[in-house]
Amino acid sequence: MKRGKKYVEAAKLIDRTTLYDKAEAIELVKKAAVAKFDETIEAHIRTGCDGRHADQQIRGAVVLPHGTGKKVRILVFAKDAKAEEAKAAGADYVGGDELIPKIQNENWFEFDVVVATPDMMGVVGRLGRVLGPKGLMPNPKAGTVTMDVTKAINDIKAGKIEYRLDKTNIIHVPLGKASFTEEQLADNFQTLIDAIMKAKPAAVKGQYLKSVTLTSTMGPGVKLNPMKLV
């Protein structure tokens, strides 16, 4: 794969064979974010879990102290008083059955997070095939299936992110923007790592954090020493 000149220059800052500590990694990933837009800084965490086993699944959510720097569009499935509550709390879209054909047939995905009240999960379940693969299905563990729609919306707007294992047992999450200070990114990163350590399944044997890499949207990856994070 041919890389652009900026990427090649940025990659020179980073020693691929070194496992950096947290502060160094954050400093380097910020320096390597040289695109013309405000790049997203992401964490990619390879775990020792085997997601094929139900007792080694990881899924949850955490509110990053400084948010992600991204405006999140929220769709809420609710009716009657709960629908009014969702609108008052600042949801971008609120609805019920009428949204099913719009999403299924018109391929409408102008939202980043889906929240639903428990009584609407029968409706939302019909969208499982389209929402599931996109990671948009509401889930009680992530706090997105709840009667307290105000709290759910406030948490998401404050910087709540969801983390879960992908098929290769890696967790991919945004940590913030390249314009954030190193301290803000460090706070967000530590909050995330603490949550993932707490979520460690009892069934996992051996090394839990296999590798941790920070990267910006267009920049090279910076590897951290996972043993120093535990």
C-alpha atoms as a PDB file:
ATOM      1  CA  MET A   1       0.000   0.000   0.000  1.00  0.00           C
ATOM      2  CA  LYS A   2       1.514   3.310  -1.059  1.00  0.00           C
ATOM      3  CA  ARG A   3       1.538   5.882   1.720  1.00  0.00           C
ATOM      4  CA  GLY A   4       1.422   9.660   1.296  1.00  0.00           C
ATOM      5  CA  LYS A   5       4.385  11.922   2.035  1.00  0.00           C
ATOM      6  CA  LYS A   6       2.841  13.213   5.270  1.00  0.00           C
ATOM      7  CA  TYR A   7       2.283   9.680   6.575  1.00  0.00           C
ATOM      8  CA  VAL A   8       5.866   8.689   5.737  1.00  0.00           C
ATOM      9  CA  GLU A   9       7.220  11.772   7.551  1.00  0.00           C
ATOM     10  CA  ALA A  10       4.969  11.130  10.570  1.00  0.00           C
ATOM     11  CA  ALA A  11       5.991   7.466  10.671  1.00  0.00           C
ATOM     12  CA  LYS A  12       9.641   8.520  11.088  1.00  0.00           C
ATOM     13  CA  LEU A  13       8.758   9.882  14.539  1.00  0.00           C
ATOM     14  CA  ILE A  14       7.778   6.436  15.762  1.00  0.00           C
ATOM     15  CA  ASP A  15       9.970   3.418  16.415  1.00  0.00           C
ATOM     16  CA  ARG A  16       7.869   0.384  15.455  1.00  0.00           C
ATOM     17  CA  THR A  17       9.900  -1.905  17.721  1.00  0.00           C
ATOM     18  CA  THR A  18       9.424   0.196  20.870  1.00  0.00           C
ATOM     19  CA  LEU A  19       6.619  -0.225  23.393  1.00  0.00           C
ATOM     20  CA  TYR A  20       6.052   3.291  24.693  1.00  0.00           C
ATOM     21  CA  ASP A  21       4.646   4.386  28.028  1.00  0.00           C
ATOM     22  CA  LYS A  22       1.328   6.251  28.078  1.00  0.00           C
ATOM     23  CA  ALA A  23       2.645   9.837  28.117  1.00  0.00           C
ATOM     24  CA  GLU A  24       5.158   9.244  25.301  1.00  0.00           C
ATOM     25  CA  ALA A  25       2.601   7.420  23.151  1.00  0.00           C
ATOM     26  CA  ILE A  26       0.070  10.251  23.479  1.00  0.00           C
ATOM     27  CA  GLU A  27       2.706  12.877  22.668  1.00  0.00           C
ATOM     28  CA  LEU A  28       3.790  10.926  19.557  1.00  0.00           C
ATOM     29  CA  VAL A  29       0.292  10.184  18.277  1.00  0.00           C
ATOM     30  CA  LYS A  30      -0.549  13.900  18.529  1.00  0.00           C
ATOM     31  CA  LYS A  31       2.644  14.856  16.664  1.00  0.00           C
ATOM     32  CA  ALA A  32       1.907  12.299  13.940  1.00  0.00           C
ATOM     33  CA  ALA A  33      -1.610  13.687  13.328  1.00  0.00           C
ATOM     34  CA  VAL A  34      -0.705  16.055  10.497  1.00  0.00           C
ATOM     35  CA  ALA A  35      -3.826  15.939   8.319  1.00  0.00           C
ATOM     36  CA  LYS A  36      -5.616  19.174   7.406  1.00  0.00           C
ATOM     37  CA  PHE A  37      -8.615  18.257   9.587  1.00  0.00           C
ATOM     38  CA  ASP A  38      -8.885  17.566  13.320  1.00  0.00           C
ATOM     39  CA  GLU A  39      -8.110  13.839  13.366  1.00  0.00           C
ATOM     40  CA  THR A  40      -9.750  11.417  15.792  1.00  0.00           C
ATOM     41  CA  ILE A  41      -7.384   9.651  18.185  1.00  0.00           C
ATOM     42  CA  GLU A  42      -8.369   5.996  18.629  1.00  0.00           C
ATOM     43  CA  ALA A  43      -7.325   3.148  20.901  1.00  0.00           C
ATOM     44  CA  HIS A  44      -7.109  -0.425  19.587  1.00  0.00           C
ATOM     45  CA  ILE A  45      -6.837  -2.989  22.376  1.00  0.00           C
ATOM     46  CA  ARG A  46      -6.122  -6.631  21.573  1.00  0.00           C
ATOM     47  CA  THR A  47      -7.308  -8.837  24.432  1.00  0.00           C
ATOM     48  CA  GLY A  48      -6.599 -12.387  25.506  1.00  0.00           C
ATOM     49  CA  CYS A  49     -10.336 -13.120  25.435  1.00  0.00           C
ATOM     50  CA  ASP A  50     -11.948 -15.700  23.200  1.00  0.00           C
ATOM     51  CA  GLY A  51     -15.192 -14.016  22.212  1.00  0.00           C
ATOM     52  CA  ARG A  52     -16.637 -17.299  20.933  1.00  0.00           C
ATOM     53  CA  HIS A  53     -17.293 -18.167  24.581  1.00  0.00           C
ATOM     54  CA  ALA A  54     -20.156 -16.295  26.236  1.00  0.00           C
ATOM     55  CA  ASP A  55     -18.204 -16.035  29.513  1.00  0.00           C
ATOM     56  CA  GLN A  56     -15.341 -14.216  27.737  1.00  0.00           C
ATOM     57  CA  GLN A  57     -17.391 -11.498  26.087  1.00  0.00           C
ATOM     58  CA  ILE A  58     -16.709  -7.862  26.931  1.00  0.00           C
ATOM     59  CA  ARG A  59     -19.305  -5.190  26.370  1.00  0.00           C
ATOM     60  CA  GLY A  60     -19.962  -2.020  28.271  1.00  0.00           C
ATOM     61  CA  ALA A  61     -19.847   1.752  28.199  1.00  0.00           C
ATOM     62  CA  VAL A  62     -17.882   4.483  29.906  1.00  0.00           C
ATOM     63  CA  VAL A  63     -18.183   8.276  30.000  1.00  0.00           C
ATOM     64  CA  LEU A  64     -14.879   9.852  28.944  1.00  0.00           C
ATOM     65  CA  PRO A  65     -14.151  12.870  31.188  1.00  0.00           C
ATOM     66  CA  HIS A  66     -13.400  15.155  28.226  1.00  0.00           C
ATOM     67  CA  GLY A  67     -15.810  13.613  25.722  1.00  0.00           C
ATOM     68  CA  THR A  68     -14.779  12.510  22.231  1.00  0.00           C
ATOM     69  CA  GLY A  69     -14.885  15.909  20.531  1.00  0.00           C
ATOM     70  CA  LYS A  70     -17.536  14.600  18.152  1.00  0.00           C
ATOM     71  CA  LYS A  71     -21.132  15.742  17.981  1.00  0.00           C
ATOM     72  CA  VAL A  72     -23.175  12.592  18.428  1.00  0.00           C
ATOM     73  CA  ARG A  73     -26.595  12.244  16.790  1.00  0.00           C
ATOM     74  CA  ILE A  74     -29.021  10.292  18.966  1.00  0.00           C
ATOM     75  CA  LEU A  75     -32.090   8.349  17.819  1.00  0.00           C
ATOM     76  CA  VAL A  76     -34.538   7.329  20.556  1.00  0.00           C
ATOM     77  CA  PHE A  77     -37.255   4.715  20.166  1.00  0.00           C
ATOM     78  CA  ALA A  78     -39.945   5.679  22.661  1.00  0.00           C
ATOM     79  CA  LYS A  79     -43.629   6.557  22.817  1.00  0.00           C
ATOM     80  CA  ASP A  80     -46.008   8.888  24.655  1.00  0.00           C
ATOM     81  CA  ALA A  81     -44.486  10.537  27.749  1.00  0.00           C
ATOM     82  CA  LYS A  82     -41.069   8.924  27.185  1.00  0.00           C
ATOM     83  CA  ALA A  83     -40.969  10.262  23.621  1.00  0.00           C
ATOM     84  CA  GLU A  84     -41.679  13.776  24.945  1.00  0.00           C
ATOM     85  CA  GLU A  85     -38.987  13.303  27.613  1.00  0.00           C
ATOM     86  CA  ALA A  86     -36.461  12.256  24.935  1.00  0.00           C
ATOM     87  CA  LYS A  87     -37.238  15.345  22.843  1.00  0.00           C
ATOM     88  CA  ALA A  88     -36.877  17.592  25.892  1.00  0.00           C
ATOM     89  CA  ALA A  89     -33.515  15.978  26.736  1.00  0.00           C
ATOM     90  CA  GLY A  90     -32.159  16.848  23.300  1.00  0.00           C
ATOM     91  CA  ALA A  91     -32.499  13.668  21.231  1.00  0.00           C
ATOM     92  CA  ASP A  92     -31.985  14.357  17.525  1.00  0.00           C
ATOM     93  CA  TYR A  93     -34.702  11.925  16.398  1.00  0.00           C
ATOM     94  CA  VAL A  94     -37.541  10.298  18.333  1.00  0.00           C
ATOM     95  CA  GLY A  95     -40.049   7.789  16.993  1.00  0.00           C
ATOM     96  CA  GLY A  96     -41.420   4.261  16.867  1.00  0.00           C
ATOM     97  CA  ASP A  97     -42.835   1.895  14.232  1.00  0.00           C
ATOM     98  CA  GLU A  98     -42.845   4.566  11.528  1.00  0.00           C
ATOM     99  CA  LEU A  99     -39.025   4.623  11.536  1.00  0.00           C
ATOM    100  CA  ILE A 100     -38.703   0.921  10.627  1.00  0.00           C
ATOM    101  CA  PRO A 101     -39.337   1.271   6.843  1.00  0.00           C
ATOM    102  CA  LYS A 102     -37.255   4.469   6.742  1.00  0.00           C
ATOM    103  CA  ILE A 103     -34.221   2.599   8.098  1.00  0.00           C
ATOM    104  CA  GLN A 104     -34.894  -0.731   6.347  1.00  0.00           C
ATOM    105  CA  ASN A 105     -35.981   0.478   2.928  1.00  0.00           C
ATOM    106  CA  GLU A 106     -34.553   3.967   2.569  1.00  0.00           C
ATOM    107  CA  ASN A 107     -31.218   3.133   4.181  1.00  0.00           C
ATOM    108  CA  TRP A 108     -31.566   6.074   6.572  1.00  0.00           C
ATOM    109  CA  PHE A 109     -28.674   6.169   9.044  1.00  0.00           C
ATOM    110  CA  GLU A 110     -28.354   9.803  10.064  1.00  0.00           C
ATOM    111  CA  PHE A 111     -27.637   8.838  13.673  1.00  0.00           C
ATOM    112  CA  ASP A 112     -24.662   7.570  15.684  1.00  0.00           C
ATOM    113  CA  VAL A 113     -26.325   6.017  18.755  1.00  0.00           C
ATOM    114  CA  VAL A 114     -29.691   4.342  19.284  1.00  0.00           C
ATOM    115  CA  VAL A 115     -31.486   4.425  22.638  1.00  0.00           C
ATOM    116  CA  ALA A 116     -34.718   2.545  23.326  1.00  0.00           C
ATOM    117  CA  THR A 117     -37.135   2.120  26.198  1.00  0.00           C
ATOM    118  CA  PRO A 118     -37.617  -1.573  27.112  1.00  0.00           C
ATOM    119  CA  ASP A 119     -41.220  -1.589  25.819  1.00  0.00           C
ATOM    120  CA  MET A 120     -39.927  -0.608  22.352  1.00  0.00           C
ATOM    121  CA  MET A 121     -37.400  -3.429  22.013  1.00  0.00           C
ATOM    122  CA  GLY A 122     -39.962  -5.557  20.142  1.00  0.00           C
ATOM    123  CA  VAL A 123     -40.027  -2.866  17.463  1.00  0.00           C
ATOM    124  CA  VAL A 124     -36.251  -2.302  17.495  1.00  0.00           C
ATOM    125  CA  GLY A 125     -35.659  -6.069  17.334  1.00  0.00           C
ATOM    126  CA  ARG A 126     -37.052  -6.052  13.784  1.00  0.00           C
ATOM    127  CA  LEU A 127     -34.053  -3.900  12.842  1.00  0.00           C
ATOM    128  CA  GLY A 128     -31.530  -6.316  14.366  1.00  0.00           C
ATOM    129  CA  ARG A 129     -30.175  -7.371  10.982  1.00  0.00           C
ATOM    130  CA  VAL A 130     -29.360  -3.829   9.931  1.00  0.00           C
ATOM    131  CA  LEU A 131     -28.465  -2.230  13.270  1.00  0.00           C
ATOM    132  CA  GLY A 132     -26.498  -5.206  14.640  1.00  0.00           C
ATOM    133  CA  PRO A 133     -23.673  -5.295  12.062  1.00  0.00           C
ATOM    134  CA  LYS A 134     -23.238  -1.509  12.426  1.00  0.00           C
ATOM    135  CA  GLY A 135     -22.906  -1.813  16.213  1.00  0.00           C
ATOM    136  CA  LEU A 136     -26.033   0.333  16.664  1.00  0.00           C
ATOM    137  CA  MET A 137     -28.317  -2.141  18.431  1.00  0.00           C
ATOM    138  CA  PRO A 138     -29.420  -0.816  21.847  1.00  0.00           C
ATOM    139  CA  ASN A 139     -28.135  -2.913  24.734  1.00  0.00           C
ATOM    140  CA  PRO A 140     -28.922  -2.853  28.475  1.00  0.00           C
ATOM    141  CA  LYS A 141     -25.217  -3.371  29.338  1.00  0.00           C
ATOM    142  CA  ALA A 142     -24.328  -0.224  27.435  1.00  0.00           C
ATOM    143  CA  GLY A 143     -27.157   1.700  29.130  1.00  0.00           C
ATOM    144  CA  THR A 144     -28.976   2.238  25.831  1.00  0.00           C
ATOM    145  CA  VAL A 145     -32.034   0.163  26.773  1.00  0.00           C
ATOM    146  CA  THR A 146     -33.506   2.139  29.658  1.00  0.00           C
ATOM    147  CA  MET A 147     -36.574   3.938  30.971  1.00  0.00           C
ATOM    148  CA  ASP A 148     -34.325   6.818  32.061  1.00  0.00           C
ATOM    149  CA  VAL A 149     -33.938   8.300  28.594  1.00  0.00           C
ATOM    150  CA  THR A 150     -32.840  11.679  29.973  1.00  0.00           C
ATOM    151  CA  LYS A 151     -29.831  10.148  31.729  1.00  0.00           C
ATOM    152  CA  ALA A 152     -28.953   8.050  28.659  1.00  0.00           C
ATOM    153  CA  ILE A 153     -29.036  11.113  26.387  1.00  0.00           C
ATOM    154  CA  ASN A 154     -27.072  13.282  28.847  1.00  0.00           C
ATOM    155  CA  ASP A 155     -24.388  10.588  29.270  1.00  0.00           C
ATOM    156  CA  ILE A 156     -23.996  10.141  25.505  1.00  0.00           C
ATOM    157  CA  LYS A 157     -23.754  13.889  24.940  1.00  0.00           C
ATOM    158  CA  ALA A 158     -21.184  14.113  27.767  1.00  0.00           C
ATOM    159  CA  GLY A 159     -18.884  11.676  25.958  1.00  0.00           C
ATOM    160  CA  LYS A 160     -20.120   8.186  26.706  1.00  0.00           C
ATOM    161  CA  ILE A 161     -18.598   5.567  24.432  1.00  0.00           C
ATOM    162  CA  GLU A 162     -19.395   1.905  24.036  1.00  0.00           C
ATOM    163  CA  TYR A 163     -16.680  -0.730  23.965  1.00  0.00           C
ATOM    164  CA  ARG A 164     -17.019  -4.329  22.802  1.00  0.00           C
ATOM    165  CA  LEU A 165     -14.933  -7.114  21.313  1.00  0.00           C
ATOM    166  CA  ASP A 166     -14.913  -7.449  17.554  1.00  0.00           C
ATOM    167  CA  LYS A 167     -14.622 -10.843  15.844  1.00  0.00           C
ATOM    168  CA  THR A 168     -10.839 -10.815  16.336  1.00  0.00           C
ATOM    169  CA  ASN A 169     -11.128 -10.025  20.077  1.00  0.00           C
ATOM    170  CA  ILE A 170      -9.997  -6.425  19.620  1.00  0.00           C
ATOM    171  CA  ILE A 171     -11.714  -3.370  21.132  1.00  0.00           C
ATOM    172  CA  HIS A 172     -11.693  -0.223  18.920  1.00  0.00           C
ATOM    173  CA  VAL A 173     -12.753   3.081  20.517  1.00  0.00           C
ATOM    174  CA  PRO A 174     -12.337   6.822  19.928  1.00  0.00           C
ATOM    175  CA  LEU A 175     -10.433   8.682  22.668  1.00  0.00           C
ATOM    176  CA  GLY A 176     -10.793  12.261  21.485  1.00  0.00           C
ATOM    177  CA  LYS A 177      -9.387  14.613  18.867  1.00  0.00           C
ATOM    178  CA  ALA A 178      -5.835  15.549  17.904  1.00  0.00           C
ATOM    179  CA  SER A 179      -6.659  19.098  19.093  1.00  0.00           C
ATOM    180  CA  PHE A 180      -7.147  17.826  22.669  1.00  0.00           C
ATOM    181  CA  THR A 181      -4.316  18.493  25.133  1.00  0.00           C
ATOM    182  CA  GLU A 182      -2.082  15.584  26.133  1.00  0.00           C
ATOM    183  CA  GLU A 183      -3.639  15.754  29.621  1.00  0.00           C
ATOM    184  CA  GLN A 184      -7.172  15.426  28.225  1.00  0.00           C
ATOM    185  CA  LEU A 185      -6.217  12.446  26.084  1.00  0.00           C
ATOM    186  CA  ALA A 186      -4.362  10.853  29.026  1.00  0.00           C
ATOM    187  CA  ASP A 187      -7.429  11.279  31.285  1.00  0.00           C
ATOM    188  CA  ASN A 188      -9.726   9.762  28.654  1.00  0.00           C
ATOM    189  CA  PHE A 189      -7.303   6.894  27.988  1.00  0.00           C
ATOM    190  CA  GLN A 190      -6.911   6.058  31.690  1.00  0.00           C
ATOM    191  CA  THR A 191     -10.699   6.118  32.198  1.00  0.00           C
ATOM    192  CA  LEU A 192     -11.103   3.691  29.295  1.00  0.00           C
ATOM    193  CA  ILE A 193      -8.343   1.322  30.485  1.00  0.00           C
ATOM    194  CA  ASP A 194      -9.768   1.313  34.037  1.00  0.00           C
ATOM    195  CA  ALA A 195     -13.204   0.358  32.650  1.00  0.00           C
ATOM    196  CA  ILE A 196     -11.766  -2.416  30.470  1.00  0.00           C
ATOM    197  CA  MET A 197      -9.688  -3.786  33.353  1.00  0.00           C
ATOM    198  CA  LYS A 198     -12.824  -3.834  35.513  1.00  0.00           C
ATOM    199  CA  ALA A 199     -14.712  -5.646  32.741  1.00  0.00           C
ATOM    200  CA  LYS A 200     -12.141  -8.468  32.595  1.00  0.00           C
ATOM    201  CA  PRO A 201     -14.058 -11.765  32.408  1.00  0.00           C
ATOM    202  CA  ALA A 202     -13.148 -14.197  35.187  1.00  0.00           C
ATOM    203  CA  ALA A 203     -12.789 -16.979  32.596  1.00  0.00           C
ATOM    204  CA  VAL A 204      -9.850 -15.280  30.821  1.00  0.00           C
ATOM    205  CA  LYS A 205      -6.539 -16.990  31.575  1.00  0.00           C
ATOM    206  CA  GLY A 206      -3.076 -15.646  30.806  1.00  0.00           C
ATOM    207  CA  GLN A 207      -2.345 -12.119  29.613  1.00  0.00           C
ATOM    208  CA  TYR A 208      -5.513 -10.005  29.405  1.00  0.00           C
ATOM    209  CA  LEU A 209      -4.167  -6.986  27.485  1.00  0.00           C
ATOM    210  CA  LYS A 210      -2.129  -8.462  24.619  1.00  0.00           C
ATOM    211  CA  SER A 211      -1.392  -5.197  22.830  1.00  0.00           C
ATOM    212  CA  VAL A 212      -2.536  -1.581  22.999  1.00  0.00           C
ATOM    213  CA  THR A 213      -2.078   0.782  20.050  1.00  0.00           C
ATOM    214  CA  LEU A 214      -2.968   4.458  19.723  1.00  0.00           C
ATOM    215  CA  THR A 215      -3.501   5.906  16.274  1.00  0.00           C
ATOM    216  CA  SER A 216      -4.942   8.999  14.612  1.00  0.00           C
ATOM    217  CA  THR A 217      -7.338   8.846  11.644  1.00  0.00           C
ATOM    218  CA  MET A 218      -4.581   9.232   9.049  1.00  0.00           C
ATOM    219  CA  GLY A 219      -1.454   8.607  11.113  1.00  0.00           C
ATOM    220  CA  PRO A 220       0.664   5.567  11.989  1.00  0.00           C
ATOM    221  CA  GLY A 221       0.030   3.441  15.087  1.00  0.00           C
ATOM    222  CA  VAL A 222       1.977   3.894  18.328  1.00  0.00           C
ATOM    223  CA  LYS A 223       2.307   0.785  20.486  1.00  0.00           C
ATOM    224  CA  LEU A 224       2.147   0.974  24.275  1.00  0.00           C
ATOM    225  CA  ASN A 225       3.617  -1.388  26.811  1.00  0.00           C
ATOM    226  CA  PRO A 226       0.499  -3.261  28.015  1.00  0.00           C
ATOM    227  CA  MET A 227       2.273  -4.527  31.150  1.00  0.00           C
ATOM    228  CA  LYS A 228       2.633  -0.950  32.402  1.00  0.00           C
ATOM    229  CA  LEU A 229      -1.104  -0.330  32.100  1.00  0.00           C
ATOM    230  CA  VAL A 230      -2.236  -3.129  34.402  1.00  0.00           C
END
